[in-house]
Each structure stands twice: as structure tokens, then as C-alpha cells.
PDB file of all heavy atoms in Angstrom:
ATOM      1  N   GLU A   1     112.616-121.161 -80.398  1.00  0.00           N
ATOM      2  CA  GLU A   1     113.632-120.499 -81.202  1.00  0.00           C
ATOM      3  C   GLU A   1     114.638-121.508 -81.735  1.00  0.00           C
ATOM      4  O   GLU A   1     115.010-122.458 -81.054  1.00  0.00           O
ATOM      5  CB  GLU A   1     114.368-119.449 -80.368  1.00  0.00           C
ATOM      6  CG  GLU A   1     113.511-118.240 -80.006  1.00  0.00           C
ATOM      7  CD  GLU A   1     114.307-117.202 -79.272  1.00  0.00           C
ATOM      8  OE1 GLU A   1     115.526-117.393 -79.102  1.00  0.00           O
ATOM      9  OE2 GLU A   1     113.709-116.189 -78.866  1.00  0.00           O
ATOM     10  N   THR A   2     115.084-121.270 -82.965  1.00  0.00           N
ATOM     11  CA  THR A   2     116.136-122.105 -83.522  1.00  0.00           C
ATOM     12  C   THR A   2     117.478-121.615 -82.986  1.00  0.00           C
ATOM     13  O   THR A   2     117.580-120.604 -82.331  1.00  0.00           O
ATOM     14  CB  THR A   2     116.126-122.027 -85.060  1.00  0.00           C
ATOM     15  OG1 THR A   2     116.338-120.662 -85.446  1.00  0.00           O
ATOM     16  CG2 THR A   2     114.825-122.522 -85.610  1.00  0.00           C
ATOM     17  N   GLY A   3     118.502-122.329 -83.296  1.00  0.00           N
ATOM     18  CA  GLY A   3     119.823-122.029 -82.776  1.00  0.00           C
ATOM     19  C   GLY A   3     120.427-123.296 -82.212  1.00  0.00           C
ATOM     20  O   GLY A   3     119.786-124.334 -82.156  1.00  0.00           O
ATOM     21  N   THR A   4     121.664-123.211 -81.801  1.00  0.00           N
ATOM     22  CA  THR A   4     122.342-124.383 -81.289  1.00  0.00           C
ATOM     23  C   THR A   4     121.912-124.649 -79.854  1.00  0.00           C
ATOM     24  O   THR A   4     122.143-123.825 -78.970  1.00  0.00           O
ATOM     25  CB  THR A   4     123.868-124.189 -81.335  1.00  0.00           C
ATOM     26  OG1 THR A   4     124.258-123.892 -82.671  1.00  0.00           O
ATOM     27  CG2 THR A   4     124.581-125.432 -80.857  1.00  0.00           C
ATOM     28  N   PRO A   5     121.255-125.773 -79.580  1.00  0.00           N
ATOM     29  CA  PRO A   5     120.833-126.063 -78.206  1.00  0.00           C
ATOM     30  C   PRO A   5     122.023-126.472 -77.350  1.00  0.00           C
ATOM     31  O   PRO A   5     122.937-127.153 -77.808  1.00  0.00           O
ATOM     32  CB  PRO A   5     119.853-127.227 -78.385  1.00  0.00           C
ATOM     33  CG  PRO A   5     120.307-127.901 -79.632  1.00  0.00           C
ATOM     34  CD  PRO A   5     120.873-126.829 -80.518  1.00  0.00           C
ATOM     35  N   GLU A   6     122.013-126.058 -76.107  1.00  0.00           N
ATOM     36  CA  GLU A   6     123.068-126.442 -75.176  1.00  0.00           C
ATOM     37  C   GLU A   6     122.782-127.844 -74.634  1.00  0.00           C
ATOM     38  O   GLU A   6     121.643-128.174 -74.310  1.00  0.00           O
ATOM     39  CB  GLU A   6     123.133-125.455 -74.018  1.00  0.00           C
ATOM     40  CG  GLU A   6     123.510-124.035 -74.424  1.00  0.00           C
ATOM     41  CD  GLU A   6     124.957-123.915 -74.852  1.00  0.00           C
ATOM     42  OE1 GLU A   6     125.776-124.771 -74.425  1.00  0.00           O
ATOM     43  OE2 GLU A   6     125.268-122.990 -75.624  1.00  0.00           O
ATOM     44  N   ALA A   7     123.828-128.645 -74.522  1.00  0.00           N
ATOM     45  CA  ALA A   7     123.695-129.938 -73.856  1.00  0.00           C
ATOM     46  C   ALA A   7     123.615-129.686 -72.352  1.00  0.00           C
ATOM     47  O   ALA A   7     124.471-129.004 -71.785  1.00  0.00           O
ATOM     48  CB  ALA A   7     124.881-130.833 -74.203  1.00  0.00           C
ATOM     49  N   VAL A   8     122.588-130.219 -71.707  1.00  0.00           N
ATOM     50  CA  VAL A   8     122.329-129.876 -70.313  1.00  0.00           C
ATOM     51  C   VAL A   8     122.830-130.960 -69.369  1.00  0.00           C
ATOM     52  O   VAL A   8     122.960-132.127 -69.742  1.00  0.00           O
ATOM     53  CB  VAL A   8     120.816-129.647 -70.072  1.00  0.00           C
ATOM     54  CG1 VAL A   8     120.298-128.556 -70.979  1.00  0.00           C
ATOM     55  CG2 VAL A   8     120.027-130.939 -70.265  1.00  0.00           C
ATOM     56  N   GLY A   9     123.099-130.554 -68.128  1.00  0.00           N
ATOM     57  CA  GLY A   9     123.401-131.493 -67.060  1.00  0.00           C
ATOM     58  C   GLY A   9     122.113-131.900 -66.378  1.00  0.00           C
ATOM     59  O   GLY A   9     121.057-131.959 -67.006  1.00  0.00           O
ATOM     60  N   PHE A  10     122.180-132.190 -65.083  1.00  0.00           N
ATOM     61  CA  PHE A  10     120.962-132.529 -64.362  1.00  0.00           C
ATOM     62  C   PHE A  10     119.970-131.374 -64.493  1.00  0.00           C
ATOM     63  O   PHE A  10     120.341-130.204 -64.426  1.00  0.00           O
ATOM     64  CB  PHE A  10     121.259-132.795 -62.895  1.00  0.00           C
ATOM     65  CG  PHE A  10     122.079-134.037 -62.650  1.00  0.00           C
ATOM     66  CD1 PHE A  10     123.024-134.072 -61.650  1.00  0.00           C
ATOM     67  CD2 PHE A  10     121.901-135.170 -63.433  1.00  0.00           C
ATOM     68  CE1 PHE A  10     123.777-135.212 -61.424  1.00  0.00           C
ATOM     69  CE2 PHE A  10     122.638-136.318 -63.219  1.00  0.00           C
ATOM     70  CZ  PHE A  10     123.589-136.332 -62.217  1.00  0.00           C
ATOM     71  N   PHE A  11     118.691-131.709 -64.702  1.00  0.00           N
ATOM     72  CA  PHE A  11     117.697-130.668 -64.952  1.00  0.00           C
ATOM     73  C   PHE A  11     116.376-131.010 -64.276  1.00  0.00           C
ATOM     74  O   PHE A  11     116.059-132.173 -64.039  1.00  0.00           O
ATOM     75  CB  PHE A  11     117.481-130.467 -66.454  1.00  0.00           C
ATOM     76  CG  PHE A  11     116.978-131.691 -67.182  1.00  0.00           C
ATOM     77  CD1 PHE A  11     115.617-131.926 -67.346  1.00  0.00           C
ATOM     78  CD2 PHE A  11     117.863-132.623 -67.712  1.00  0.00           C
ATOM     79  CE1 PHE A  11     115.143-133.053 -68.017  1.00  0.00           C
ATOM     80  CE2 PHE A  11     117.414-133.755 -68.382  1.00  0.00           C
ATOM     81  CZ  PHE A  11     116.042-133.970 -68.529  1.00  0.00           C
ATOM     82  N   ASP A  12     115.618-129.964 -63.990  1.00  0.00           N
ATOM     83  CA  ASP A  12     114.264-130.076 -63.451  1.00  0.00           C
ATOM     84  C   ASP A  12     113.492-128.892 -64.033  1.00  0.00           C
ATOM     85  O   ASP A  12     113.645-127.758 -63.584  1.00  0.00           O
ATOM     86  CB  ASP A  12     114.281-130.032 -61.930  1.00  0.00           C
ATOM     87  CG  ASP A  12     112.921-130.353 -61.323  1.00  0.00           C
ATOM     88  OD1 ASP A  12     111.958-130.541 -62.089  1.00  0.00           O
ATOM     89  OD2 ASP A  12     112.823-130.412 -60.081  1.00  0.00           O
ATOM     90  N   ILE A  13     112.693-129.156 -65.063  1.00  0.00           N
ATOM     91  CA  ILE A  13     112.122-128.097 -65.894  1.00  0.00           C
ATOM     92  C   ILE A  13     110.597-128.153 -65.852  1.00  0.00           C
ATOM     93  O   ILE A  13     110.002-129.212 -66.058  1.00  0.00           O
ATOM     94  CB  ILE A  13     112.608-128.241 -67.360  1.00  0.00           C
ATOM     95  CG1 ILE A  13     114.132-128.089 -67.436  1.00  0.00           C
ATOM     96  CG2 ILE A  13     111.921-127.224 -68.264  1.00  0.00           C
ATOM     97  CD1 ILE A  13     114.712-128.404 -68.804  1.00  0.00           C
ATOM     98  N   SER A  14     109.986-127.007 -65.620  1.00  0.00           N
ATOM     99  CA  SER A  14     108.524-126.901 -65.665  1.00  0.00           C
ATOM    100  C   SER A  14     108.055-125.884 -66.702  1.00  0.00           C
ATOM    101  O   SER A  14     106.883-125.542 -66.742  1.00  0.00           O
ATOM    102  CB  SER A  14     107.978-126.527 -64.278  1.00  0.00           C
ATOM    103  OG  SER A  14     108.527-125.300 -63.837  1.00  0.00           O
ATOM    104  N   PHE A  15     108.984-125.386 -67.537  1.00  0.00           N
ATOM    105  CA  PHE A  15     108.691-124.513 -68.680  1.00  0.00           C
ATOM    106  C   PHE A  15     108.100-123.157 -68.280  1.00  0.00           C
ATOM    107  O   PHE A  15     107.500-122.481 -69.100  1.00  0.00           O
ATOM    108  CB  PHE A  15     107.776-125.224 -69.691  1.00  0.00           C
ATOM    109  CG  PHE A  15     108.358-126.528 -70.155  1.00  0.00           C
ATOM    110  CD1 PHE A  15     107.824-127.738 -69.733  1.00  0.00           C
ATOM    111  CD2 PHE A  15     109.473-126.556 -70.975  1.00  0.00           C
ATOM    112  CE1 PHE A  15     108.376-128.945 -70.135  1.00  0.00           C
ATOM    113  CE2 PHE A  15     110.037-127.754 -71.385  1.00  0.00           C
ATOM    114  CZ  PHE A  15     109.483-128.951 -70.965  1.00  0.00           C
ATOM    115  N   GLU A  16     108.300-122.749 -67.043  1.00  0.00           N
ATOM    116  CA  GLU A  16     107.844-121.426 -66.626  1.00  0.00           C
ATOM    117  C   GLU A  16     108.710-120.329 -67.240  1.00  0.00           C
ATOM    118  O   GLU A  16     108.288-119.175 -67.322  1.00  0.00           O
ATOM    119  CB  GLU A  16     107.863-121.315 -65.095  1.00  0.00           C
ATOM    120  CG  GLU A  16     106.968-122.326 -64.381  1.00  0.00           C
ATOM    121  CD  GLU A  16     105.526-122.259 -64.857  1.00  0.00           C
ATOM    122  OE1 GLU A  16     104.884-121.224 -64.655  1.00  0.00           O
ATOM    123  OE2 GLU A  16     105.059-123.255 -65.450  1.00  0.00           O
ATOM    124  N   GLU A  17     109.911-120.688 -67.684  1.00  0.00           N
ATOM    125  CA  GLU A  17     110.826-119.720 -68.294  1.00  0.00           C
ATOM    126  C   GLU A  17     111.066-120.026 -69.770  1.00  0.00           C
ATOM    127  O   GLU A  17     112.080-119.642 -70.338  1.00  0.00           O
ATOM    128  CB  GLU A  17     112.146-119.703 -67.527  1.00  0.00           C
ATOM    129  CG  GLU A  17     112.004-119.290 -66.063  1.00  0.00           C
ATOM    130  CD  GLU A  17     113.311-119.353 -65.319  1.00  0.00           C
ATOM    131  OE1 GLU A  17     114.360-119.591 -65.967  1.00  0.00           O
ATOM    132  OE2 GLU A  17     113.308-119.150 -64.097  1.00  0.00           O
ATOM    133  N   GLY A  18     110.130-120.726 -70.420  1.00  0.00           N
ATOM    134  CA  GLY A  18     110.279-121.048 -71.826  1.00  0.00           C
ATOM    135  C   GLY A  18     110.665-122.488 -72.060  1.00  0.00           C
ATOM    136  O   GLY A  18     110.502-123.344 -71.176  1.00  0.00           O
ATOM    137  N   ALA A  19     111.213-122.776 -73.233  1.00  0.00           N
ATOM    138  CA  ALA A  19     111.497-124.161 -73.622  1.00  0.00           C
ATOM    139  C   ALA A  19     112.685-124.746 -72.880  1.00  0.00           C
ATOM    140  O   ALA A  19     112.789-125.966 -72.737  1.00  0.00           O
ATOM    141  CB  ALA A  19     111.734-124.240 -75.121  1.00  0.00           C
ATOM    142  N   GLN A  20     113.621-123.910 -72.456  1.00  0.00           N
ATOM    143  CA  GLN A  20     114.738-124.324 -71.611  1.00  0.00           C
ATOM    144  C   GLN A  20     115.500-125.529 -72.162  1.00  0.00           C
ATOM    145  O   GLN A  20     115.758-126.493 -71.454  1.00  0.00           O
ATOM    146  CB  GLN A  20     114.249-124.604 -70.184  1.00  0.00           C
ATOM    147  CG  GLN A  20     113.690-123.363 -69.482  1.00  0.00           C
ATOM    148  CD  GLN A  20     113.154-123.653 -68.095  1.00  0.00           C
ATOM    149  OE1 GLN A  20     111.953-123.731 -67.902  1.00  0.00           O
ATOM    150  NE2 GLN A  20     114.050-123.823 -67.124  1.00  0.00           N
ATOM    151  N   GLY A  21     115.857-125.448 -73.438  1.00  0.00           N
ATOM    152  CA  GLY A  21     116.704-126.464 -74.039  1.00  0.00           C
ATOM    153  C   GLY A  21     115.982-127.532 -74.837  1.00  0.00           C
ATOM    154  O   GLY A  21     116.618-128.305 -75.554  1.00  0.00           O
ATOM    155  N   TRP A  22     114.651-127.592 -74.755  1.00  0.00           N
ATOM    156  CA  TRP A  22     113.899-128.578 -75.531  1.00  0.00           C
ATOM    157  C   TRP A  22     113.712-128.076 -76.953  1.00  0.00           C
ATOM    158  O   TRP A  22     113.436-126.895 -77.184  1.00  0.00           O
ATOM    159  CB  TRP A  22     112.554-128.868 -74.868  1.00  0.00           C
ATOM    160  CG  TRP A  22     112.707-129.724 -73.658  1.00  0.00           C
ATOM    161  CD1 TRP A  22     113.050-129.312 -72.411  1.00  0.00           C
ATOM    162  CD2 TRP A  22     112.572-131.149 -73.598  1.00  0.00           C
ATOM    163  NE1 TRP A  22     113.139-130.394 -71.563  1.00  0.00           N
ATOM    164  CE2 TRP A  22     112.841-131.536 -72.260  1.00  0.00           C
ATOM    165  CE3 TRP A  22     112.240-132.125 -74.527  1.00  0.00           C
ATOM    166  CZ2 TRP A  22     112.807-132.857 -71.846  1.00  0.00           C
ATOM    167  CZ3 TRP A  22     112.189-133.451 -74.121  1.00  0.00           C
ATOM    168  CH2 TRP A  22     112.468-133.812 -72.786  1.00  0.00           C
ATOM    169  N   ILE A  23     113.865-128.967 -77.918  1.00  0.00           N
ATOM    170  CA  ILE A  23     113.817-128.611 -79.331  1.00  0.00           C
ATOM    171  C   ILE A  23     112.880-129.560 -80.086  1.00  0.00           C
ATOM    172  O   ILE A  23     112.581-130.651 -79.599  1.00  0.00           O
ATOM    173  CB  ILE A  23     115.224-128.669 -79.974  1.00  0.00           C
ATOM    174  CG1 ILE A  23     115.818-130.091 -79.837  1.00  0.00           C
ATOM    175  CG2 ILE A  23     116.137-127.617 -79.362  1.00  0.00           C
ATOM    176  CD1 ILE A  23     117.146-130.283 -80.536  1.00  0.00           C
ATOM    177  N   PRO A  24     112.401-129.160 -81.276  1.00  0.00           N
ATOM    178  CA  PRO A  24     111.564-130.075 -82.065  1.00  0.00           C
ATOM    179  C   PRO A  24     112.369-131.271 -82.550  1.00  0.00           C
ATOM    180  O   PRO A  24     113.563-131.163 -82.823  1.00  0.00           O
ATOM    181  CB  PRO A  24     111.107-129.203 -83.254  1.00  0.00           C
ATOM    182  CG  PRO A  24     111.448-127.808 -82.888  1.00  0.00           C
ATOM    183  CD  PRO A  24     112.586-127.863 -81.934  1.00  0.00           C
ATOM    184  N   ARG A  25     111.699-132.398 -82.677  1.00  0.00           N
ATOM    185  CA  ARG A  25     112.310-133.596 -83.270  1.00  0.00           C
ATOM    186  C   ARG A  25     111.498-133.976 -84.489  1.00  0.00           C
ATOM    187  O   ARG A  25     110.284-134.173 -84.416  1.00  0.00           O
ATOM    188  CB  ARG A  25     112.337-134.734 -82.249  1.00  0.00           C
ATOM    189  CG  ARG A  25     112.917-136.034 -82.806  1.00  0.00           C
ATOM    190  CD  ARG A  25     113.004-137.091 -81.721  1.00  0.00           C
ATOM    191  NE  ARG A  25     113.342-138.388 -82.294  1.00  0.00           N
ATOM    192  CZ  ARG A  25     114.559-138.768 -82.665  1.00  0.00           C
ATOM    193  NH1 ARG A  25     115.570-137.931 -82.487  1.00  0.00           N
ATOM    194  NH2 ARG A  25     114.779-139.960 -83.185  1.00  0.00           N
ATOM    195  N   GLY A  26     112.173-134.077 -85.655  1.00  0.00           N
ATOM    196  CA  GLY A  26     111.455-134.360 -86.899  1.00  0.00           C
ATOM    197  C   GLY A  26     110.647-133.165 -87.340  1.00  0.00           C
ATOM    198  O   GLY A  26     111.062-132.014 -87.195  1.00  0.00           O
TER     199      GLY A  26
END
């Protein structure tokens, strides 16, 4: 989804709940 991504603190992501802050580049 587009929209303003949140700047995250320490993270440990396995994408079980979606993109979780990751966005396309280029």
C-alpha cells in the first residue's frame, strides 16, 4: 500500500503480518 511510511526503531520482521514498513525503491 502507498502512503507515508513510518520510520521504525529496532525491528525483527518476517512479513507474517504484511510489509510492515517496507516500501518499493525506484
